[in-house]
Amino acid sequence: MALATRTDRKPSLTRTVWDSTVGKKAVMAVSGLIMLTYLAAHMFGNLKIFFGAGDFNGYAHWLRTVGEPFLHHAWALWIIRVVLVAAVVAHAVCAYQLSRRDIGARPEKYVHKRPRASYATRTMRWGGVILGLFIVWHILDLTTGTAHPGGFQPGHPYQNVIDTFSTWYGNTVYIVAMLALGLHVQHGFWSAAQTLGAGSAARDRILKTLANVLALVLTLGFISVPVAVMTGVVS
């Protein structure tokens, strides 16, 4: 007589966490904080453009030599890129799946109107789409040079930035994306704090203030570069 095979194997802990709504929100929170850390460092790096071509180009060169000689040339930069890509993909996949679950849980419209959410909350999904498209354009413009206006110059990021922000569409795309980023950070930081258990009645006001400050600083910091190029402060 043939032995019966077991088909009721329990899923792994990783799979259980991933499949749960709480697990997906936790992945979104952690990946979001990873991206937020990168954005803060990236903004401070961008602001070096105000100190001239030498400092800005030197900073870009330094990014490729971090960790030498322990790491080979540009390895640290590629590690950062891989971690960021993983964070972006995880964040986007979880956001999409949670959105589908939310829609599936209430396929019919509410009979009674729900309380009006904040503008940042209502634009989170579209903001995520805008930022995803911007990331692709930004890489093609200033990393690979594929979509760069004029002649892309490898190793001369200062001039490449000037070229991009000397066009009306370069400024428009960048500024719109940074405004979307500000709204995304404002709501996303608050949501991440709640998901990871940092929120409480005593800390809510502090967390909301911190979310607003982070969103404002990042938005103004990033937008200051194209504005400086447009006004001739950086040239």
C-alpha atoms as a PDB file:
ATOM      1  CA  MET A   1       0.000   0.000   0.000  1.00  0.00           C
ATOM      2  CA  ALA A   2       1.440   3.343  -1.035  1.00  0.00           C
ATOM      3  CA  LEU A   3       2.240   5.779   1.706  1.00  0.00           C
ATOM      4  CA  ALA A   4       0.259   9.001   1.713  1.00  0.00           C
ATOM      5  CA  THR A   5       2.304  12.112   1.077  1.00  0.00           C
ATOM      6  CA  ARG A   6       1.896  15.156   3.281  1.00  0.00           C
ATOM      7  CA  THR A   7       0.584  18.189   1.436  1.00  0.00           C
ATOM      8  CA  ASP A   8      -0.198  20.343   4.466  1.00  0.00           C
ATOM      9  CA  ARG A   9       3.336  21.623   5.037  1.00  0.00           C
ATOM     10  CA  LYS A  10       3.314  24.861   6.996  1.00  0.00           C
ATOM     11  CA  PRO A  11       4.708  27.896   5.182  1.00  0.00           C
ATOM     12  CA  SER A  12       7.991  29.326   6.422  1.00  0.00           C
ATOM     13  CA  LEU A  13       8.067  32.233   8.851  1.00  0.00           C
ATOM     14  CA  THR A  14       9.432  34.498   6.100  1.00  0.00           C
ATOM     15  CA  ARG A  15       6.574  33.557   3.772  1.00  0.00           C
ATOM     16  CA  THR A  16       4.012  34.019   6.549  1.00  0.00           C
ATOM     17  CA  VAL A  17       5.329  37.498   7.363  1.00  0.00           C
ATOM     18  CA  TRP A  18       5.496  38.471   3.674  1.00  0.00           C
ATOM     19  CA  ASP A  19       1.939  37.300   3.015  1.00  0.00           C
ATOM     20  CA  SER A  20       0.496  39.208   5.971  1.00  0.00           C
ATOM     21  CA  THR A  21      -0.692  42.806   5.740  1.00  0.00           C
ATOM     22  CA  VAL A  22       1.344  43.722   8.820  1.00  0.00           C
ATOM     23  CA  GLY A  23       4.448  42.153   7.279  1.00  0.00           C
ATOM     24  CA  LYS A  24       4.047  44.097   4.039  1.00  0.00           C
ATOM     25  CA  LYS A  25       3.582  47.343   5.956  1.00  0.00           C
ATOM     26  CA  ALA A  26       6.732  46.579   7.945  1.00  0.00           C
ATOM     27  CA  VAL A  27       8.690  45.953   4.723  1.00  0.00           C
ATOM     28  CA  MET A  28       7.371  49.256   3.353  1.00  0.00           C
ATOM     29  CA  ALA A  29       8.395  51.061   6.544  1.00  0.00           C
ATOM     30  CA  VAL A  30      11.946  49.658   6.651  1.00  0.00           C
ATOM     31  CA  SER A  31      12.561  50.106   2.906  1.00  0.00           C
ATOM     32  CA  GLY A  32      11.151  53.629   3.132  1.00  0.00           C
ATOM     33  CA  LEU A  33      13.535  54.544   5.955  1.00  0.00           C
ATOM     34  CA  ILE A  34      16.469  53.142   3.936  1.00  0.00           C
ATOM     35  CA  MET A  35      15.487  55.371   1.008  1.00  0.00           C
ATOM     36  CA  LEU A  36      14.968  58.348   3.321  1.00  0.00           C
ATOM     37  CA  THR A  37      18.501  57.945   4.714  1.00  0.00           C
ATOM     38  CA  TYR A  38      19.870  57.878   1.170  1.00  0.00           C
ATOM     39  CA  LEU A  39      17.824  60.943   0.169  1.00  0.00           C
ATOM     40  CA  ALA A  40      19.199  62.972   3.082  1.00  0.00           C
ATOM     41  CA  ALA A  41      22.792  62.058   2.168  1.00  0.00           C
ATOM     42  CA  HIS A  42      22.096  62.648  -1.532  1.00  0.00           C
ATOM     43  CA  MET A  43      20.642  66.090  -0.847  1.00  0.00           C
ATOM     44  CA  PHE A  44      23.669  67.166   1.190  1.00  0.00           C
ATOM     45  CA  GLY A  45      25.910  65.912  -1.611  1.00  0.00           C
ATOM     46  CA  ASN A  46      23.912  67.869  -4.203  1.00  0.00           C
ATOM     47  CA  LEU A  47      24.335  71.069  -2.200  1.00  0.00           C
ATOM     48  CA  LYS A  48      28.101  70.908  -2.789  1.00  0.00           C
ATOM     49  CA  ILE A  49      27.327  72.310  -6.232  1.00  0.00           C
ATOM     50  CA  PHE A  50      27.128  75.732  -4.554  1.00  0.00           C
ATOM     51  CA  PHE A  51      30.863  75.481  -3.767  1.00  0.00           C
ATOM     52  CA  GLY A  52      31.872  75.226  -7.414  1.00  0.00           C
ATOM     53  CA  ALA A  53      32.791  72.670 -10.049  1.00  0.00           C
ATOM     54  CA  GLY A  54      35.962  71.511  -8.265  1.00  0.00           C
ATOM     55  CA  ASP A  55      34.192  70.566  -5.030  1.00  0.00           C
ATOM     56  CA  PHE A  56      31.197  69.006  -6.770  1.00  0.00           C
ATOM     57  CA  ASN A  57      33.244  66.941  -9.214  1.00  0.00           C
ATOM     58  CA  GLY A  58      35.597  65.970  -6.394  1.00  0.00           C
ATOM     59  CA  TYR A  59      32.650  64.728  -4.337  1.00  0.00           C
ATOM     60  CA  ALA A  60      31.420  62.644  -7.291  1.00  0.00           C
ATOM     61  CA  HIS A  61      34.910  61.138  -7.662  1.00  0.00           C
ATOM     62  CA  TRP A  62      35.085  60.404  -3.919  1.00  0.00           C
ATOM     63  CA  LEU A  63      31.881  58.347  -4.162  1.00  0.00           C
ATOM     64  CA  ARG A  64      33.732  55.954  -6.452  1.00  0.00           C
ATOM     65  CA  THR A  65      36.764  55.607  -4.176  1.00  0.00           C
ATOM     66  CA  VAL A  66      34.983  55.080  -0.838  1.00  0.00           C
ATOM     67  CA  GLY A  67      36.322  51.997   0.936  1.00  0.00           C
ATOM     68  CA  GLU A  68      39.552  51.704  -1.050  1.00  0.00           C
ATOM     69  CA  PRO A  69      41.817  49.813  -0.833  1.00  0.00           C
ATOM     70  CA  PHE A  70      39.667  47.356   1.153  1.00  0.00           C
ATOM     71  CA  LEU A  71      37.020  47.589  -1.563  1.00  0.00           C
ATOM     72  CA  HIS A  72      37.765  47.819  -5.254  1.00  0.00           C
ATOM     73  CA  HIS A  73      37.061  51.008  -7.191  1.00  0.00           C
ATOM     74  CA  ALA A  74      33.332  51.901  -7.162  1.00  0.00           C
ATOM     75  CA  TRP A  75      32.344  48.770  -5.208  1.00  0.00           C
ATOM     76  CA  ALA A  76      30.871  50.808  -2.341  1.00  0.00           C
ATOM     77  CA  LEU A  77      28.832  52.830  -4.826  1.00  0.00           C
ATOM     78  CA  TRP A  78      27.491  49.655  -6.430  1.00  0.00           C
ATOM     79  CA  ILE A  79      26.623  48.188  -3.019  1.00  0.00           C
ATOM     80  CA  ILE A  80      24.604  51.323  -2.282  1.00  0.00           C
ATOM     81  CA  ARG A  81      22.901  51.048  -5.670  1.00  0.00           C
ATOM     82  CA  VAL A  82      21.974  47.389  -5.138  1.00  0.00           C
ATOM     83  CA  VAL A  83      20.556  48.098  -1.663  1.00  0.00           C
ATOM     84  CA  LEU A  84      18.572  51.042  -3.057  1.00  0.00           C
ATOM     85  CA  VAL A  85      17.173  49.029  -5.961  1.00  0.00           C
ATOM     86  CA  ALA A  86      16.124  46.279  -3.536  1.00  0.00           C
ATOM     87  CA  ALA A  87      14.485  48.863  -1.253  1.00  0.00           C
ATOM     88  CA  VAL A  88      12.651  50.549  -4.142  1.00  0.00           C
ATOM     89  CA  VAL A  89      11.389  47.250  -5.569  1.00  0.00           C
ATOM     90  CA  ALA A  90      10.272  45.942  -2.163  1.00  0.00           C
ATOM     91  CA  HIS A  91       8.562  49.248  -1.388  1.00  0.00           C
ATOM     92  CA  ALA A  92       6.763  49.382  -4.741  1.00  0.00           C
ATOM     93  CA  VAL A  93       5.665  45.725  -4.689  1.00  0.00           C
ATOM     94  CA  CYS A  94       4.276  45.983  -1.161  1.00  0.00           C
ATOM     95  CA  ALA A  95       2.525  49.266  -1.965  1.00  0.00           C
ATOM     96  CA  TYR A  96       0.876  47.697  -5.028  1.00  0.00           C
ATOM     97  CA  GLN A  97      -0.177  44.536  -3.208  1.00  0.00           C
ATOM     98  CA  LEU A  98      -1.570  46.443  -0.231  1.00  0.00           C
ATOM     99  CA  SER A  99      -3.465  48.711  -2.611  1.00  0.00           C
ATOM    100  CA  ARG A 100      -5.006  45.682  -4.357  1.00  0.00           C
ATOM    101  CA  ARG A 101      -5.986  44.218  -1.005  1.00  0.00           C
ATOM    102  CA  ASP A 102      -7.575  47.471   0.047  1.00  0.00           C
ATOM    103  CA  ILE A 103      -9.602  47.620  -3.175  1.00  0.00           C
ATOM    104  CA  GLY A 104     -10.546  43.948  -2.897  1.00  0.00           C
ATOM    105  CA  ALA A 105     -11.727  44.389   0.671  1.00  0.00           C
ATOM    106  CA  ARG A 106     -14.244  47.041  -0.377  1.00  0.00           C
ATOM    107  CA  PRO A 107     -15.204  46.447  -4.031  1.00  0.00           C
ATOM    108  CA  GLU A 108     -18.290  48.634  -3.686  1.00  0.00           C
ATOM    109  CA  LYS A 109     -18.213  52.332  -2.935  1.00  0.00           C
ATOM    110  CA  TYR A 110     -19.018  53.408   0.601  1.00  0.00           C
ATOM    111  CA  VAL A 111     -22.633  54.408   1.132  1.00  0.00           C
ATOM    112  CA  HIS A 112     -21.579  57.130   3.533  1.00  0.00           C
ATOM    113  CA  LYS A 113     -18.702  59.470   2.830  1.00  0.00           C
ATOM    114  CA  ARG A 114     -15.526  58.748   4.745  1.00  0.00           C
ATOM    115  CA  PRO A 115     -13.695  61.571   6.525  1.00  0.00           C
ATOM    116  CA  ARG A 116     -11.599  63.513   4.047  1.00  0.00           C
ATOM    117  CA  ALA A 117      -7.962  62.408   4.169  1.00  0.00           C
ATOM    118  CA  SER A 118      -5.031  64.793   3.969  1.00  0.00           C
ATOM    119  CA  TYR A 119      -3.754  65.845   0.550  1.00  0.00           C
ATOM    120  CA  ALA A 120      -0.538  63.890   1.134  1.00  0.00           C
ATOM    121  CA  THR A 121      -2.484  60.716   1.966  1.00  0.00           C
ATOM    122  CA  ARG A 122      -4.733  61.012  -1.092  1.00  0.00           C
ATOM    123  CA  THR A 123      -1.773  61.517  -3.427  1.00  0.00           C
ATOM    124  CA  MET A 124       0.511  58.774  -2.039  1.00  0.00           C
ATOM    125  CA  ARG A 125      -0.248  56.349  -4.866  1.00  0.00           C
ATOM    126  CA  TRP A 126       0.117  58.843  -7.693  1.00  0.00           C
ATOM    127  CA  GLY A 127       3.124  60.335  -5.949  1.00  0.00           C
ATOM    128  CA  GLY A 128       4.755  56.905  -5.918  1.00  0.00           C
ATOM    129  CA  VAL A 129       4.129  56.500  -9.654  1.00  0.00           C
ATOM    130  CA  ILE A 130       5.560  59.968 -10.367  1.00  0.00           C
ATOM    131  CA  LEU A 131       8.674  59.212  -8.310  1.00  0.00           C
ATOM    132  CA  GLY A 132       9.131  55.828 -10.000  1.00  0.00           C
ATOM    133  CA  LEU A 133       9.057  57.422 -13.448  1.00  0.00           C
ATOM    134  CA  PHE A 134      11.351  60.212 -12.239  1.00  0.00           C
ATOM    135  CA  ILE A 135      13.954  57.726 -10.991  1.00  0.00           C
ATOM    136  CA  VAL A 136      14.111  56.151 -14.453  1.00  0.00           C
ATOM    137  CA  TRP A 137      14.459  59.563 -16.135  1.00  0.00           C
ATOM    138  CA  HIS A 138      17.029  60.756 -13.577  1.00  0.00           C
ATOM    139  CA  ILE A 139      19.246  57.707 -14.151  1.00  0.00           C
ATOM    140  CA  LEU A 140      18.996  58.024 -17.933  1.00  0.00           C
ATOM    141  CA  ASP A 141      19.797  61.724 -17.673  1.00  0.00           C
ATOM    142  CA  LEU A 142      22.644  62.039 -15.171  1.00  0.00           C
ATOM    143  CA  THR A 143      23.987  58.487 -14.730  1.00  0.00           C
ATOM    144  CA  THR A 144      24.000  56.831 -18.152  1.00  0.00           C
ATOM    145  CA  GLY A 145      23.592  60.044 -20.172  1.00  0.00           C
ATOM    146  CA  THR A 146      21.093  58.352 -22.512  1.00  0.00           C
ATOM    147  CA  ALA A 147      18.451  61.072 -22.094  1.00  0.00           C
ATOM    148  CA  HIS A 148      20.849  63.897 -21.286  1.00  0.00           C
ATOM    149  CA  PRO A 149      20.332  67.181 -23.158  1.00  0.00           C
ATOM    150  CA  GLY A 150      23.417  68.126 -25.147  1.00  0.00           C
ATOM    151  CA  GLY A 151      26.651  66.194 -24.835  1.00  0.00           C
ATOM    152  CA  PHE A 152      26.932  64.067 -21.698  1.00  0.00           C
ATOM    153  CA  GLN A 153      30.401  64.289 -20.145  1.00  0.00           C
ATOM    154  CA  PRO A 154      31.401  61.274 -17.991  1.00  0.00           C
ATOM    155  CA  GLY A 155      33.368  62.411 -14.973  1.00  0.00           C
ATOM    156  CA  HIS A 156      32.029  65.975 -15.169  1.00  0.00           C
ATOM    157  CA  PRO A 157      28.791  65.908 -13.157  1.00  0.00           C
ATOM    158  CA  TYR A 158      28.867  69.669 -12.511  1.00  0.00           C
ATOM    159  CA  GLN A 159      28.509  70.492 -16.198  1.00  0.00           C
ATOM    160  CA  ASN A 160      25.976  67.716 -16.698  1.00  0.00           C
ATOM    161  CA  VAL A 161      23.767  69.171 -13.957  1.00  0.00           C
ATOM    162  CA  ILE A 162      24.062  72.650 -15.520  1.00  0.00           C
ATOM    163  CA  ASP A 163      23.030  71.211 -18.890  1.00  0.00           C
ATOM    164  CA  THR A 164      19.954  69.485 -17.459  1.00  0.00           C
ATOM    165  CA  PHE A 165      18.696  72.484 -15.521  1.00  0.00           C
ATOM    166  CA  SER A 166      19.308  74.829 -18.419  1.00  0.00           C
ATOM    167  CA  THR A 167      16.251  73.284 -20.110  1.00  0.00           C
ATOM    168  CA  TRP A 168      12.638  74.088 -19.202  1.00  0.00           C
ATOM    169  CA  TYR A 169      11.599  70.435 -19.236  1.00  0.00           C
ATOM    170  CA  GLY A 170      14.519  69.362 -17.041  1.00  0.00           C
ATOM    171  CA  ASN A 171      13.500  71.896 -14.403  1.00  0.00           C
ATOM    172  CA  THR A 172       9.802  71.056 -14.706  1.00  0.00           C
ATOM    173  CA  VAL A 173      10.289  67.292 -14.331  1.00  0.00           C
ATOM    174  CA  TYR A 174      12.681  67.694 -11.408  1.00  0.00           C
ATOM    175  CA  ILE A 175      10.641  70.250  -9.458  1.00  0.00           C
ATOM    176  CA  VAL A 176       7.348  68.351  -9.896  1.00  0.00           C
ATOM    177  CA  ALA A 177       9.056  65.154  -8.742  1.00  0.00           C
ATOM    178  CA  MET A 178      10.559  66.870  -5.689  1.00  0.00           C
ATOM    179  CA  LEU A 179       7.172  68.297  -4.688  1.00  0.00           C
ATOM    180  CA  ALA A 180       5.746  64.776  -4.950  1.00  0.00           C
ATOM    181  CA  LEU A 181       8.698  63.546  -2.880  1.00  0.00           C
ATOM    182  CA  GLY A 182       7.933  66.055  -0.131  1.00  0.00           C
ATOM    183  CA  LEU A 183       4.329  64.879   0.153  1.00  0.00           C
ATOM    184  CA  HIS A 184       5.456  61.249   0.053  1.00  0.00           C
ATOM    185  CA  VAL A 185       8.007  61.752   2.838  1.00  0.00           C
ATOM    186  CA  GLN A 186       5.556  63.732   4.957  1.00  0.00           C
ATOM    187  CA  HIS A 187       2.990  60.938   5.022  1.00  0.00           C
ATOM    188  CA  GLY A 188       5.407  58.028   4.618  1.00  0.00           C
ATOM    189  CA  PHE A 189       7.595  58.896   7.613  1.00  0.00           C
ATOM    190  CA  TRP A 190       4.517  59.204   9.826  1.00  0.00           C
ATOM    191  CA  SER A 191       3.131  55.880   8.557  1.00  0.00           C
ATOM    192  CA  ALA A 192       6.481  54.125   9.056  1.00  0.00           C
ATOM    193  CA  ALA A 193       6.689  55.366  12.651  1.00  0.00           C
ATOM    194  CA  GLN A 194       3.217  53.998  13.376  1.00  0.00           C
ATOM    195  CA  THR A 195       3.953  50.655  11.691  1.00  0.00           C
ATOM    196  CA  LEU A 196       7.209  50.147  13.612  1.00  0.00           C
ATOM    197  CA  GLY A 197       5.555  51.013  16.915  1.00  0.00           C
ATOM    198  CA  ALA A 198       7.256  54.353  17.490  1.00  0.00           C
ATOM    199  CA  GLY A 199       3.977  56.268  17.691  1.00  0.00           C
ATOM    200  CA  SER A 200       2.213  57.006  20.937  1.00  0.00           C
ATOM    201  CA  ALA A 201      -0.067  59.669  22.369  1.00  0.00           C
ATOM    202  CA  ALA A 202       2.961  61.399  23.901  1.00  0.00           C
ATOM    203  CA  ARG A 203       5.117  61.244  20.770  1.00  0.00           C
ATOM    204  CA  ASP A 204       2.558  61.836  18.021  1.00  0.00           C
ATOM    205  CA  ARG A 205       3.032  65.609  17.896  1.00  0.00           C
ATOM    206  CA  ILE A 206       6.831  65.256  17.787  1.00  0.00           C
ATOM    207  CA  LEU A 207       6.654  62.656  15.014  1.00  0.00           C
ATOM    208  CA  LYS A 208       4.257  64.752  12.939  1.00  0.00           C
ATOM    209  CA  THR A 209       6.492  67.801  13.345  1.00  0.00           C
ATOM    210  CA  LEU A 210       9.571  65.762  12.399  1.00  0.00           C
ATOM    211  CA  ALA A 211       7.769  64.406   9.310  1.00  0.00           C
ATOM    212  CA  ASN A 212       6.864  67.951   8.231  1.00  0.00           C
ATOM    213  CA  VAL A 213      10.403  69.251   8.827  1.00  0.00           C
ATOM    214  CA  LEU A 214      12.016  66.362   6.931  1.00  0.00           C
ATOM    215  CA  ALA A 215       9.647  66.820   3.993  1.00  0.00           C
ATOM    216  CA  LEU A 216      10.260  70.571   3.874  1.00  0.00           C
ATOM    217  CA  VAL A 217      14.054  70.349   4.189  1.00  0.00           C
ATOM    218  CA  LEU A 218      14.372  67.652   1.525  1.00  0.00           C
ATOM    219  CA  THR A 219      12.036  69.439  -0.886  1.00  0.00           C
ATOM    220  CA  LEU A 220      13.745  72.826  -0.533  1.00  0.00           C
ATOM    221  CA  GLY A 221      17.214  71.268  -0.560  1.00  0.00           C
ATOM    222  CA  PHE A 222      16.671  69.401  -3.812  1.00  0.00           C
ATOM    223  CA  ILE A 223      14.749  72.202  -5.534  1.00  0.00           C
ATOM    224  CA  SER A 224      17.402  74.771  -4.619  1.00  0.00           C
ATOM    225  CA  VAL A 225      19.762  73.281  -7.239  1.00  0.00           C
ATOM    226  CA  PRO A 226      17.602  73.795 -10.372  1.00  0.00           C
ATOM    227  CA  VAL A 227      16.467  77.169  -9.029  1.00  0.00           C
ATOM    228  CA  ALA A 228      20.115  78.220  -8.582  1.00  0.00           C
ATOM    229  CA  VAL A 229      20.916  77.201 -12.152  1.00  0.00           C
ATOM    230  CA  MET A 230      17.830  78.984 -13.537  1.00  0.00           C
ATOM    231  CA  THR A 231      18.684  82.212 -11.706  1.00  0.00           C
ATOM    232  CA  GLY A 232      22.391  82.119 -12.570  1.00  0.00           C
ATOM    233  CA  VAL A 233      23.584  81.603  -8.995  1.00  0.00           C
ATOM    234  CA  VAL A 234      25.199  78.395 -10.221  1.00  0.00           C
ATOM    235  CA  SER A 235      26.592  78.499 -13.738  1.00  0.00           C
END
